[in-house]
Amino acid sequence: MKKGFLLAFVLFFIGCDGKIYTNIHNKNKIGANFSSIEIVANDTFSKESVQTIMQKMGFLVAKSPYRLRAEHRNYKKACTNPLSKTSSDYSFDGLVSIELFYEQEKIYTAYMDYKGEQKEALFAKLINVMMDDLEISKP
């Protein structure tokens, strides 16, 4: 458990190449069918973006045993250490990530660094990859 948390922590703070990184934590949930999903997020942009995407796909966004957690980090605003700013490579502007849970169990994680402005399409990429990886059909 500690090693998994440390690995996730390190991966969020090292620079990536804009590639989408994924992890299926519970392969028994591949092919699961559900029509409702609860959305939680660390900021308004993430929550509204993911809610809109899921509603467009036909999911009911409401209280559900399936919960999708979304997160957006703006590297330029988040880093306040002057030494880090001068010694780090800031070729990316931020990070977006999603985690899918069933009740309290984590099923899936996806994240990527990005360049440019924050926009809904960043989360759409992650959600589409999740839908494919977990073979989730739209309701």
Protein backbone atom coordinates (compact mmCIF):
# COMPACT_ATOMS: atom_id res chain seq x y z
CA MET A 1 0.00 0.00 0.00
CA LYS A 2 2.77 2.42 0.96
CA LYS A 3 4.74 1.54 -2.17
CA GLY A 4 1.69 2.11 -4.36
CA PHE A 5 1.03 5.51 -2.82
CA LEU A 6 4.69 6.49 -3.18
CA LEU A 7 4.72 5.40 -6.83
CA ALA A 8 1.55 7.39 -7.58
CA PHE A 9 2.97 10.42 -5.78
CA VAL A 10 6.24 10.27 -7.73
CA LEU A 11 4.48 9.78 -11.06
CA PHE A 12 2.32 12.87 -10.51
CA PHE A 13 5.34 15.07 -9.96
CA ILE A 14 7.79 13.86 -12.58
CA GLY A 15 7.61 15.25 -16.07
CA CYS A 16 5.89 13.07 -18.65
CA ASP A 17 5.75 13.42 -22.41
CA GLY A 18 2.06 14.28 -22.77
CA LYS A 19 1.30 10.56 -23.08
CA ILE A 20 -1.73 9.11 -21.30
CA TYR A 21 -0.72 6.80 -18.48
CA THR A 22 -3.27 4.24 -17.26
CA ASN A 23 -3.61 1.52 -14.67
CA ILE A 24 -6.42 -1.01 -14.28
CA HIS A 25 -6.52 -1.79 -10.56
CA ASN A 26 -9.38 -4.34 -10.73
CA LYS A 27 -9.62 -6.37 -13.92
CA ASN A 28 -12.82 -8.02 -12.68
CA LYS A 29 -14.65 -4.76 -13.49
CA ILE A 30 -13.76 -4.88 -17.19
CA GLY A 31 -17.02 -4.97 -19.12
CA ALA A 32 -19.09 -3.65 -16.22
CA ASN A 33 -22.32 -1.98 -17.26
CA PHE A 34 -23.72 0.95 -15.33
CA SER A 35 -25.89 3.91 -16.23
CA SER A 36 -25.22 6.34 -13.38
CA ILE A 37 -22.02 7.81 -12.03
CA GLU A 38 -21.12 10.24 -9.28
CA ILE A 39 -18.53 12.93 -10.08
CA VAL A 40 -16.14 14.41 -7.53
CA ALA A 41 -13.33 16.85 -8.28
CA ASN A 42 -10.75 19.11 -6.71
CA ASP A 43 -11.97 22.18 -8.60
CA THR A 44 -14.96 23.56 -10.49
CA PHE A 45 -13.35 23.27 -13.93
CA SER A 46 -12.70 19.54 -13.49
CA LYS A 47 -16.14 18.76 -12.06
CA GLU A 48 -18.09 20.68 -14.71
CA SER A 49 -15.98 19.28 -17.55
CA VAL A 50 -16.36 15.65 -16.48
CA GLN A 51 -20.09 16.04 -15.72
CA THR A 52 -20.69 17.46 -19.20
CA ILE A 53 -18.71 14.69 -20.90
CA MET A 54 -20.45 11.91 -18.99
CA GLN A 55 -23.92 13.41 -19.60
CA LYS A 56 -23.17 13.69 -23.34
CA MET A 57 -22.30 9.98 -23.28
CA GLY A 58 -25.72 9.23 -21.78
CA PHE A 59 -24.77 8.61 -18.15
CA LEU A 60 -26.96 9.90 -15.35
CA VAL A 61 -24.75 12.03 -13.11
CA ALA A 62 -26.08 11.35 -9.62
CA LYS A 63 -25.35 9.44 -6.43
CA SER A 64 -24.02 6.05 -7.55
CA PRO A 65 -21.78 3.20 -6.39
CA TYR A 66 -19.55 4.21 -9.34
CA ARG A 67 -17.62 7.40 -8.62
CA LEU A 68 -15.30 9.22 -11.01
CA ARG A 69 -12.79 11.52 -9.37
CA ALA A 70 -11.26 14.20 -11.59
CA GLU A 71 -8.29 16.42 -10.88
CA HIS A 72 -6.60 19.30 -12.63
CA ARG A 73 -3.26 20.77 -11.62
CA ASN A 74 -1.85 23.97 -13.02
CA TYR A 75 1.93 23.60 -12.71
CA LYS A 76 2.59 27.32 -13.05
CA LYS A 77 0.23 28.22 -10.20
CA ALA A 78 0.99 25.18 -8.00
CA CYS A 79 4.75 25.54 -7.80
CA THR A 80 5.74 28.39 -5.50
CA ASN A 81 9.27 27.30 -4.61
CA PRO A 82 11.74 29.67 -6.40
CA LEU A 83 14.50 27.03 -6.43
CA SER A 84 12.21 24.46 -8.10
CA LYS A 85 11.09 27.01 -10.68
CA THR A 86 14.68 27.73 -11.73
CA SER A 87 15.89 24.12 -11.70
CA SER A 88 12.91 22.29 -13.22
CA ASP A 89 11.77 21.75 -16.77
CA TYR A 90 8.42 23.50 -17.16
CA SER A 91 7.65 22.36 -20.68
CA PHE A 92 4.13 21.34 -19.56
CA ASP A 93 1.44 23.63 -18.23
CA GLY A 94 -0.53 21.17 -16.14
CA LEU A 95 -1.84 17.72 -15.41
CA VAL A 96 -5.29 16.13 -15.64
CA SER A 97 -6.21 12.83 -14.02
CA ILE A 98 -9.21 10.62 -13.39
CA GLU A 99 -9.81 7.74 -11.01
CA LEU A 100 -12.82 5.42 -11.19
CA PHE A 101 -14.07 3.78 -7.99
CA TYR A 102 -16.73 1.18 -7.29
CA GLU A 103 -17.91 1.88 -3.76
CA GLN A 104 -14.55 2.28 -1.96
CA GLU A 105 -12.44 0.21 -4.36
CA LYS A 106 -10.27 1.91 -6.98
CA ILE A 107 -10.83 0.35 -10.39
CA TYR A 108 -8.95 2.56 -12.82
CA THR A 109 -6.52 5.49 -13.03
CA ALA A 110 -5.53 7.63 -16.03
CA TYR A 111 -3.50 10.84 -16.19
CA MET A 112 -1.45 12.99 -18.53
CA ASP A 113 0.52 16.21 -18.60
CA TYR A 114 -0.54 18.80 -21.14
CA LYS A 115 0.66 21.93 -22.89
CA GLY A 116 -1.55 24.91 -23.62
CA GLU A 117 -4.80 25.96 -22.07
CA GLN A 118 -6.97 23.86 -19.80
CA LYS A 119 -10.05 22.64 -21.66
CA GLU A 120 -12.74 20.00 -21.45
CA ALA A 121 -11.16 18.01 -24.28
CA LEU A 122 -8.29 17.03 -21.98
CA PHE A 123 -10.67 15.10 -19.74
CA ALA A 124 -12.51 13.72 -22.79
CA LYS A 125 -9.29 12.01 -23.91
CA LEU A 126 -8.84 10.35 -20.52
CA ILE A 127 -12.48 9.27 -20.30
CA ASN A 128 -12.47 7.80 -23.83
CA VAL A 129 -9.35 5.77 -23.02
CA MET A 130 -10.99 4.58 -19.77
CA MET A 131 -14.15 3.54 -21.63
CA ASP A 132 -12.06 1.54 -24.12
CA ASP A 133 -9.73 -0.03 -21.54
CA LEU A 134 -12.60 -1.11 -19.27
CA GLU A 135 -14.90 -2.00 -22.20
CA ILE A 136 -17.67 0.16 -20.75
CA SER A 137 -20.60 0.60 -23.09
CA LYS A 138 -22.57 3.82 -23.14
CA PRO A 139 -26.04 3.51 -21.60
